[in-house]
Amino acid sequence: MSTVEAPAVLGTPAAGPSAWPQARETARRAGLRPLPPQPVDLAEALGHTLAEPLAALTDLPAFDTSAMDGWAVAGPGPWRVAGRLLAGRPAEAALDDGAAVEIATGAQLPPGATAVLRREHGELSGVLLHDRGPAPLTTGQDVRPRAQECRRGEALLPAGTPVGPAVLGLAAACGHDRLAVRRRPVVELLVLGDELLESGLPRPGLVRDALGPLLPPWLRAAGAEIAGVRAVRDDFGLLLDAVRHSTADVVVTTGGTAAGPVDFLHRALAEAGARLLVDGVAVRPGHPMLLAELPGGRHLVGLPGNPLAAVAGTVTLALPLLHALAGRVADGPDLAPAAVDLPGHPADTRLLPVRRTARGAVPLAFDGPAMLRGLARADALAVVPPGGVATGAAVELLEAP
């Protein structure tokens, strides 16, 4: 495997494959400047990343509301009932002590109300309402007071938070119609190899492409916009043309990262004027992976062609780079005990498909570089340092695709 001298600012060693943690940090720092912010409508914000803290534009709730169907009451009972309040209508008339009004869940409490008596706890005798609940009604019972969740101007979520469905709901609830988000990094996936089929059964010398279906949804979940998935034959000119003319922020390739007779990626990068930042990572599977800076500040992540090795390359280089470009805040390590001894490589970090159980992380079979059967059953990848992890010891877990 070739080695290059990378810029010291990125912390990449001058020779030899990068250590796994160092390679991940280099990928994060390669996108030192997140992509620019842009205002978008709520309906378009899903999958983006907040470019600034999400602040409440109103108290939440904006007024005292009923948490239950029943009666809004004032003072001690029994109460004389008059009228009805439904959600969506303002409460105008105040309640005097001893008065009550029928109320629906979510409706605004009238001025003077001290509590809500649940429907199942109330008993009407004509116009008089009695409390038949299991305990005496207390002030504030079943009332959602104004600003219970937040006050106007309060910061609710930090910049760098991925915008998922819950974030959209919170933003809408506290008054937002638009959000300031980072532009999503545009990714083009180049699937390299003459041996790959897009449909049908494998046949002599030909295999199905597993990475074309696997990688795009995973990269979208990491905040990327997929510009396209292209199959590129084992031809140097075609590969060089694809790399040179891609307009994506990040080009992701599968295969061609080693030194075989048709592994043209290193040569194509040199011809394209790219600068190698990571050229090989001490991780199994997946060590012949690379990260390069293309002219114009774009990046290329070269993944191995074997499926599980490509998954290892994705979590090592592609996802940290995408998160940096999208301005996402890096989460702290997710640790769990090893339920059994986790076997390691003698010298390299190993990424092992595991399942989380009550006892801890359990390794799964079928974990070879070309296999996906174990990964399909996994909910995490255990980061096993050289030499392995003993039963009960803490191990870092990465989310599986």
Protein backbone atom coordinates (compact mmCIF):
# COMPACT_ATOMS: atom_id res chain seq x y z
CA MET A 1 0.00 0.00 0.00
CA SER A 2 1.34 3.43 -0.89
CA THR A 3 1.81 6.07 1.73
CA VAL A 4 1.88 9.83 1.45
CA GLU A 5 2.91 12.71 3.61
CA ALA A 6 -0.25 14.41 4.80
CA PRO A 7 -0.50 17.88 6.32
CA ALA A 8 0.45 17.95 9.97
CA VAL A 9 -2.60 20.07 10.81
CA LEU A 10 -4.76 17.01 10.14
CA GLY A 11 -2.72 14.82 12.44
CA THR A 12 -2.17 12.08 9.85
CA PRO A 13 1.05 10.08 10.16
CA ALA A 14 3.63 10.67 7.45
CA ALA A 15 3.99 6.96 6.72
CA GLY A 16 2.02 3.79 7.33
CA PRO A 17 -1.70 3.32 7.88
CA SER A 18 -3.47 5.61 10.31
CA ALA A 19 -4.67 4.27 13.63
CA TRP A 20 -8.45 3.93 13.72
CA PRO A 21 -9.24 6.77 16.16
CA GLN A 22 -6.78 9.05 14.40
CA ALA A 23 -8.34 8.35 11.00
CA ARG A 24 -11.82 9.20 12.32
CA GLU A 25 -10.53 12.46 13.80
CA THR A 26 -8.81 13.33 10.51
CA ALA A 27 -12.10 12.78 8.66
CA ARG A 28 -13.91 15.06 11.10
CA ARG A 29 -11.28 17.77 10.79
CA ALA A 30 -11.13 17.53 7.00
CA GLY A 31 -14.48 19.36 6.98
CA LEU A 32 -13.26 22.18 9.23
CA ARG A 33 -15.85 24.59 7.81
CA PRO A 34 -19.44 23.34 7.90
CA LEU A 35 -21.48 24.06 4.82
CA PRO A 36 -23.27 27.45 4.83
CA PRO A 37 -26.59 27.95 6.62
CA GLN A 38 -29.84 28.49 4.79
CA PRO A 39 -33.43 29.23 5.94
CA VAL A 40 -35.95 26.59 4.88
CA ASP A 41 -39.62 25.89 5.52
CA LEU A 42 -40.33 23.29 8.20
CA ALA A 43 -41.52 20.82 5.56
CA GLU A 44 -38.07 20.97 3.91
CA ALA A 45 -35.93 20.84 7.07
CA LEU A 46 -36.07 17.09 7.77
CA GLY A 47 -32.61 15.52 7.56
CA HIS A 48 -30.79 18.84 7.80
CA THR A 49 -28.85 20.10 10.82
CA LEU A 50 -29.68 23.16 12.91
CA ALA A 51 -27.32 26.01 12.02
CA GLU A 52 -28.25 27.98 15.14
CA PRO A 53 -29.90 27.14 18.46
CA LEU A 54 -33.64 26.53 18.33
CA ALA A 55 -35.24 29.18 20.53
CA ALA A 56 -38.88 29.30 21.62
CA LEU A 57 -40.87 32.07 19.98
CA THR A 58 -43.61 31.78 22.61
CA ASP A 59 -44.25 30.37 26.04
CA LEU A 60 -45.16 26.70 25.79
CA PRO A 61 -48.01 26.25 26.56
CA ALA A 62 -48.88 29.78 25.56
CA PHE A 63 -51.68 29.85 28.17
CA ASP A 64 -53.00 27.71 31.02
CA THR A 65 -54.71 24.68 29.48
CA SER A 66 -56.75 21.74 30.66
CA ALA A 67 -54.90 18.42 30.70
CA MET A 68 -58.17 16.44 30.90
CA ASP A 69 -61.79 16.42 29.81
CA GLY A 70 -63.92 17.52 32.76
CA TRP A 71 -64.70 20.81 34.48
CA ALA A 72 -62.62 23.87 35.23
CA VAL A 73 -63.48 24.83 38.80
CA ALA A 74 -62.81 27.81 41.05
CA GLY A 75 -62.27 27.35 44.78
CA PRO A 76 -63.65 24.50 46.89
CA GLY A 77 -66.74 22.51 45.82
CA PRO A 78 -69.48 21.80 45.28
CA TRP A 79 -69.59 24.03 42.21
CA ARG A 80 -72.40 25.49 40.12
CA VAL A 81 -71.84 24.56 36.44
CA ALA A 82 -72.55 27.02 33.65
CA GLY A 83 -71.33 26.83 30.06
CA ARG A 84 -68.71 24.88 28.12
CA LEU A 85 -65.18 25.61 26.87
CA LEU A 86 -63.78 23.80 23.83
CA ALA A 87 -60.25 23.75 22.42
CA GLY A 88 -59.63 26.48 19.88
CA ARG A 89 -61.82 29.07 21.57
CA PRO A 90 -60.53 31.80 23.90
CA ALA A 91 -61.64 31.79 27.53
CA GLU A 92 -63.00 35.25 28.27
CA ALA A 93 -65.36 35.22 31.24
CA ALA A 94 -63.72 34.71 34.64
CA LEU A 95 -64.92 32.08 37.14
CA ASP A 96 -66.04 33.16 40.58
CA ASP A 97 -65.42 30.95 43.60
CA GLY A 98 -67.88 28.08 43.62
CA ALA A 99 -68.38 28.19 39.85
CA ALA A 100 -67.40 25.62 37.21
CA VAL A 101 -67.46 25.31 33.43
CA GLU A 102 -67.30 22.14 31.36
CA ILE A 103 -63.93 21.98 29.57
CA ALA A 104 -62.23 19.85 26.91
CA THR A 105 -58.63 18.67 26.90
CA GLY A 106 -56.38 21.40 25.47
CA ALA A 107 -58.87 24.20 26.01
CA GLN A 108 -57.75 27.45 27.62
CA LEU A 109 -58.59 27.76 31.33
CA PRO A 110 -60.76 30.73 32.18
CA PRO A 111 -59.37 33.38 34.56
CA GLY A 112 -60.02 32.45 38.18
CA ALA A 113 -59.97 28.65 37.61
CA THR A 114 -57.95 26.84 40.26
CA ALA A 115 -58.06 23.22 39.02
CA VAL A 116 -59.65 20.77 36.61
CA LEU A 117 -61.92 18.04 37.91
CA ARG A 118 -61.72 14.98 35.66
CA ARG A 119 -64.96 13.84 34.08
CA GLU A 120 -64.72 10.42 35.72
CA HIS A 121 -64.34 12.03 39.16
CA GLY A 122 -67.28 14.45 38.89
CA GLU A 123 -70.94 13.85 39.69
CA LEU A 124 -73.66 16.25 38.60
CA SER A 125 -76.80 16.81 40.65
CA GLY A 126 -78.75 19.21 38.49
CA VAL A 127 -76.39 22.14 38.05
CA LEU A 128 -74.28 21.28 41.10
CA LEU A 129 -71.00 19.45 40.59
CA HIS A 130 -69.50 17.24 43.32
CA ASP A 131 -66.01 15.80 43.59
CA ARG A 132 -66.19 11.97 43.87
CA GLY A 133 -62.50 11.35 43.15
CA PRO A 134 -60.28 9.04 45.21
CA ALA A 135 -58.53 12.03 46.82
CA PRO A 136 -59.49 15.66 47.44
CA LEU A 137 -58.95 17.99 44.48
CA THR A 138 -55.82 20.11 44.86
CA THR A 139 -54.97 23.53 43.42
CA GLY A 140 -53.46 23.19 39.94
CA GLN A 141 -54.55 19.58 39.48
CA ASP A 142 -54.74 18.50 35.81
CA VAL A 143 -53.75 21.97 34.64
CA ARG A 144 -50.88 22.55 32.22
CA PRO A 145 -49.68 25.97 33.39
CA ARG A 146 -48.41 28.56 30.96
CA ALA A 147 -44.66 28.13 30.18
CA GLN A 148 -44.58 24.70 31.85
CA GLU A 149 -42.30 23.42 29.04
CA CYS A 150 -40.41 26.58 28.10
CA ARG A 151 -40.48 30.35 28.11
CA ARG A 152 -40.29 32.67 25.14
CA GLY A 153 -36.66 33.17 24.05
CA GLU A 154 -35.42 30.05 25.83
CA ALA A 155 -32.89 27.96 23.86
CA LEU A 156 -34.38 24.49 23.42
CA LEU A 157 -31.83 22.70 21.21
CA PRO A 158 -28.22 23.57 20.34
CA ALA A 159 -26.84 24.25 16.89
CA GLY A 160 -25.61 21.00 15.37
CA THR A 161 -28.74 19.04 16.27
CA PRO A 162 -30.01 16.80 13.43
CA VAL A 163 -33.55 17.72 12.42
CA GLY A 164 -35.75 14.67 12.89
CA PRO A 165 -39.54 14.39 13.24
CA ALA A 166 -39.48 15.30 16.94
CA VAL A 167 -37.44 18.43 16.25
CA LEU A 168 -39.95 19.47 13.59
CA GLY A 169 -42.81 18.97 16.04
CA LEU A 170 -41.08 20.99 18.77
CA ALA A 171 -40.24 23.79 16.33
CA ALA A 172 -43.85 23.98 15.17
CA ALA A 173 -45.20 23.89 18.73
CA CYS A 174 -43.06 26.85 19.79
CA GLY A 175 -43.99 28.99 16.79
CA HIS A 176 -41.49 28.38 13.96
CA ASP A 177 -42.50 28.30 10.30
CA ARG A 178 -38.88 28.23 9.05
CA LEU A 179 -35.57 26.98 10.44
CA ALA A 180 -31.96 28.01 9.85
CA VAL A 181 -30.21 24.79 8.83
CA ARG A 182 -26.95 23.77 7.20
CA ARG A 183 -26.99 22.83 3.55
CA ARG A 184 -26.87 19.05 3.23
CA PRO A 185 -23.57 17.71 1.86
CA VAL A 186 -24.13 16.38 -1.66
CA VAL A 187 -22.72 12.88 -2.16
CA GLU A 188 -22.18 10.95 -5.38
CA LEU A 189 -21.61 7.21 -5.04
CA LEU A 190 -19.38 5.54 -7.64
CA VAL A 191 -19.64 1.73 -7.57
CA LEU A 192 -16.51 0.35 -9.23
CA GLY A 193 -16.09 -3.06 -10.84
CA ASP A 194 -16.84 -5.10 -13.95
CA GLU A 195 -18.05 -8.00 -11.83
CA LEU A 196 -21.09 -6.27 -10.32
CA LEU A 197 -24.70 -6.93 -11.32
CA GLU A 198 -27.56 -4.54 -10.54
CA SER A 199 -30.27 -7.23 -10.74
CA GLY A 200 -30.83 -10.95 -11.01
CA LEU A 201 -28.89 -13.90 -9.65
CA PRO A 202 -25.10 -14.10 -9.52
CA ARG A 203 -23.55 -16.14 -12.30
CA PRO A 204 -20.02 -17.31 -13.08
CA GLY A 205 -17.62 -14.45 -12.41
CA LEU A 206 -20.41 -11.99 -11.61
CA VAL A 207 -21.88 -11.01 -8.22
CA ARG A 208 -24.70 -8.72 -7.08
CA ASP A 209 -23.82 -5.20 -5.99
CA ALA A 210 -24.75 -4.99 -2.30
CA LEU A 211 -23.34 -1.53 -1.61
CA GLY A 212 -25.45 0.38 -4.14
CA PRO A 213 -28.61 -0.46 -2.16
CA LEU A 214 -26.92 -0.35 1.30
CA LEU A 215 -25.02 2.93 1.33
CA PRO A 216 -27.41 5.67 0.01
CA PRO A 217 -30.08 5.38 2.73
CA TRP A 218 -27.39 5.20 5.40
CA LEU A 219 -25.64 8.31 4.05
CA ARG A 220 -28.98 10.16 3.83
CA ALA A 221 -29.59 9.36 7.50
CA ALA A 222 -26.19 10.92 8.22
CA GLY A 223 -27.37 14.19 6.67
CA ALA A 224 -26.28 13.75 3.05
CA GLU A 225 -28.16 14.43 -0.16
CA ILE A 226 -27.49 11.67 -2.69
CA ALA A 227 -26.85 13.18 -6.13
CA GLY A 228 -26.67 9.78 -7.79
CA VAL A 229 -25.32 6.23 -7.80
CA ARG A 230 -23.19 5.36 -10.82
CA ALA A 231 -21.60 2.09 -11.86
CA VAL A 232 -18.10 2.63 -13.24
CA ARG A 233 -16.32 -0.14 -15.13
CA ASP A 234 -12.74 -1.16 -14.40
CA ASP A 235 -11.29 1.44 -16.73
CA PHE A 236 -8.79 4.11 -15.64
CA GLY A 237 -10.09 6.75 -18.04
CA LEU A 238 -13.70 6.30 -17.00
CA LEU A 239 -12.79 6.51 -13.30
CA LEU A 240 -10.62 9.60 -13.77
CA ASP A 241 -13.39 11.30 -15.73
CA ALA A 242 -15.96 10.47 -13.05
CA VAL A 243 -13.76 11.82 -10.25
CA ARG A 244 -12.73 14.97 -12.12
CA HIS A 245 -16.19 15.97 -13.27
CA SER A 246 -18.28 15.13 -10.20
CA THR A 247 -19.77 18.28 -8.68
CA ALA A 248 -20.64 16.60 -5.37
CA ASP A 249 -19.20 17.83 -2.08
CA VAL A 250 -18.15 14.25 -1.34
CA VAL A 251 -17.47 11.46 -3.80
CA VAL A 252 -17.72 7.99 -2.27
CA THR A 253 -16.22 5.09 -4.21
CA THR A 254 -16.47 1.36 -3.54
CA GLY A 255 -13.58 -0.88 -4.56
CA GLY A 256 -10.30 -0.05 -6.24
CA THR A 257 -8.50 1.07 -3.05
CA ALA A 258 -5.89 -1.71 -2.91
CA ALA A 259 -3.04 -2.49 -5.34
CA GLY A 260 -4.60 -5.07 -7.68
CA PRO A 261 -4.33 -5.01 -11.47
CA VAL A 262 -7.53 -2.96 -11.91
CA ASP A 263 -7.34 -0.90 -8.69
CA PHE A 264 -6.99 2.48 -10.36
CA LEU A 265 -8.18 4.82 -7.60
CA HIS A 266 -4.76 5.95 -6.31
CA ARG A 267 -3.59 6.67 -9.86
CA ALA A 268 -6.80 8.52 -10.70
CA LEU A 269 -6.47 10.70 -7.60
CA ALA A 270 -2.90 11.57 -8.47
CA GLU A 271 -3.92 12.54 -12.02
CA ALA A 272 -6.83 14.59 -10.69
CA GLY A 273 -4.53 16.60 -8.41
CA ALA A 274 -5.98 15.22 -5.19
CA ARG A 275 -4.22 15.33 -1.84
CA LEU A 276 -4.32 12.13 0.21
CA LEU A 277 -5.21 12.74 3.84
CA VAL A 278 -5.63 9.11 4.94
CA ASP A 279 -4.18 6.20 2.98
CA GLY A 280 -5.00 3.03 4.85
CA VAL A 281 -6.38 2.55 8.36
CA ALA A 282 -5.31 -0.01 10.94
CA VAL A 283 -8.80 -1.51 11.21
CA ARG A 284 -10.24 -4.91 10.29
CA PRO A 285 -12.13 -5.35 8.11
CA GLY A 286 -11.56 -2.42 5.81
CA HIS A 287 -7.93 -1.37 6.18
CA PRO A 288 -7.37 -0.37 2.46
CA MET A 289 -9.61 2.71 2.73
CA LEU A 290 -8.65 6.29 1.95
CA LEU A 291 -9.67 9.92 2.29
CA ALA A 292 -8.55 12.56 -0.20
CA GLU A 293 -9.10 16.27 -0.74
CA LEU A 294 -10.03 17.05 -4.34
CA PRO A 295 -9.36 20.36 -6.09
CA GLY A 296 -11.83 23.02 -5.05
CA GLY A 297 -12.19 21.72 -1.49
CA ARG A 298 -14.28 18.67 -2.35
CA HIS A 299 -13.48 15.30 -0.78
CA LEU A 300 -13.36 11.67 -1.85
CA VAL A 301 -13.80 8.68 0.45
CA GLY A 302 -12.51 5.44 -1.03
CA LEU A 303 -14.19 2.39 0.50
CA PRO A 304 -13.07 -1.21 0.01
CA GLY A 305 -15.23 -3.32 -2.27
CA ASN A 306 -16.04 -6.07 0.24
CA PRO A 307 -19.38 -5.17 1.86
CA LEU A 308 -18.53 -5.38 5.56
CA ALA A 309 -15.16 -3.75 4.88
CA ALA A 310 -16.99 -0.90 3.13
CA VAL A 311 -19.25 -0.54 6.17
CA ALA A 312 -16.14 -0.23 8.33
CA GLY A 313 -14.81 2.45 5.99
CA THR A 314 -18.09 4.32 6.14
CA VAL A 315 -18.13 4.60 9.93
CA THR A 316 -14.41 5.38 9.99
CA LEU A 317 -14.16 8.07 7.30
CA ALA A 318 -17.43 8.87 5.49
CA LEU A 319 -19.75 9.52 8.42
CA PRO A 320 -17.34 11.71 10.44
CA LEU A 321 -16.65 13.78 7.30
CA LEU A 322 -20.36 14.20 6.52
CA HIS A 323 -21.16 15.14 10.11
CA ALA A 324 -18.42 17.79 10.05
CA LEU A 325 -19.67 19.27 6.77
CA ALA A 326 -23.24 19.27 8.07
CA GLY A 327 -22.14 20.94 11.31
CA ARG A 328 -23.40 18.08 13.47
CA VAL A 329 -22.18 17.89 17.04
CA ALA A 330 -20.22 14.70 17.69
CA ASP A 331 -21.84 12.47 20.29
CA GLY A 332 -19.81 11.04 23.14
CA PRO A 333 -18.87 7.35 23.01
CA ASP A 334 -21.65 4.84 23.57
CA LEU A 335 -20.25 2.24 25.95
CA ALA A 336 -21.60 -1.17 26.96
CA PRO A 337 -20.10 -4.21 28.71
CA ALA A 338 -18.98 -7.16 26.63
CA ALA A 339 -21.34 -10.07 27.34
CA VAL A 340 -18.58 -12.53 26.37
CA ASP A 341 -14.96 -12.22 25.33
CA LEU A 342 -14.78 -10.19 22.10
CA PRO A 343 -11.96 -11.46 19.90
CA GLY A 344 -9.57 -8.85 18.54
CA HIS A 345 -6.90 -8.55 15.88
CA PRO A 346 -3.30 -8.82 17.11
CA ALA A 347 -2.33 -5.31 15.94
CA ASP A 348 -5.37 -3.50 14.51
CA THR A 349 -8.72 -2.26 15.78
CA ARG A 350 -11.56 -4.61 14.87
CA LEU A 351 -15.13 -3.56 14.09
CA LEU A 352 -17.39 -6.43 15.10
CA PRO A 353 -21.15 -6.73 14.47
CA VAL A 354 -22.93 -7.20 17.82
CA ARG A 355 -26.37 -7.22 19.37
CA ARG A 356 -27.20 -5.36 22.55
CA THR A 357 -28.66 -7.61 25.23
CA ALA A 358 -29.37 -7.30 28.95
CA ARG A 359 -25.95 -8.87 29.54
CA GLY A 360 -24.17 -6.50 27.15
CA ALA A 361 -22.77 -6.71 23.61
CA VAL A 362 -22.94 -10.18 22.03
CA PRO A 363 -20.87 -10.87 18.88
CA LEU A 364 -22.61 -12.28 15.82
CA ALA A 365 -21.44 -14.94 13.39
CA PHE A 366 -20.79 -14.28 9.69
CA ASP A 367 -18.52 -11.30 10.30
CA GLY A 368 -16.08 -11.79 7.41
CA PRO A 369 -15.14 -8.81 5.17
CA ALA A 370 -17.41 -9.98 2.33
CA MET A 371 -20.35 -10.95 4.56
CA LEU A 372 -23.48 -9.01 5.50
CA ARG A 373 -25.49 -11.71 7.27
CA GLY A 374 -24.12 -10.81 10.70
CA LEU A 375 -24.51 -7.09 10.07
CA ALA A 376 -28.15 -7.55 9.04
CA ARG A 377 -28.87 -8.91 12.54
CA ALA A 378 -26.67 -6.37 14.34
CA ASP A 379 -27.77 -3.18 16.03
CA ALA A 380 -24.21 -1.94 16.61
CA LEU A 381 -20.56 -2.35 15.68
CA ALA A 382 -18.25 -2.96 18.63
CA VAL A 383 -14.90 -1.17 18.48
CA VAL A 384 -12.56 -3.91 19.67
CA PRO A 385 -8.99 -2.72 20.34
CA PRO A 386 -5.98 -4.87 19.46
CA GLY A 387 -5.94 -8.01 21.57
CA GLY A 388 -9.69 -8.10 22.22
CA VAL A 389 -12.04 -7.19 25.08
CA ALA A 390 -12.62 -9.41 28.13
CA THR A 391 -16.09 -10.32 29.40
CA GLY A 392 -17.56 -7.48 31.43
CA ALA A 393 -15.14 -4.83 30.17
CA ALA A 394 -16.56 -1.71 28.51
CA VAL A 395 -16.53 -1.56 24.73
CA GLU A 396 -17.45 1.35 22.46
CA LEU A 397 -20.47 0.76 20.20
CA LEU A 398 -21.15 2.45 16.88
CA GLU A 399 -24.64 2.49 15.40
CA ALA A 400 -25.08 -0.09 12.65
CA PRO A 401 -26.65 0.93 9.33
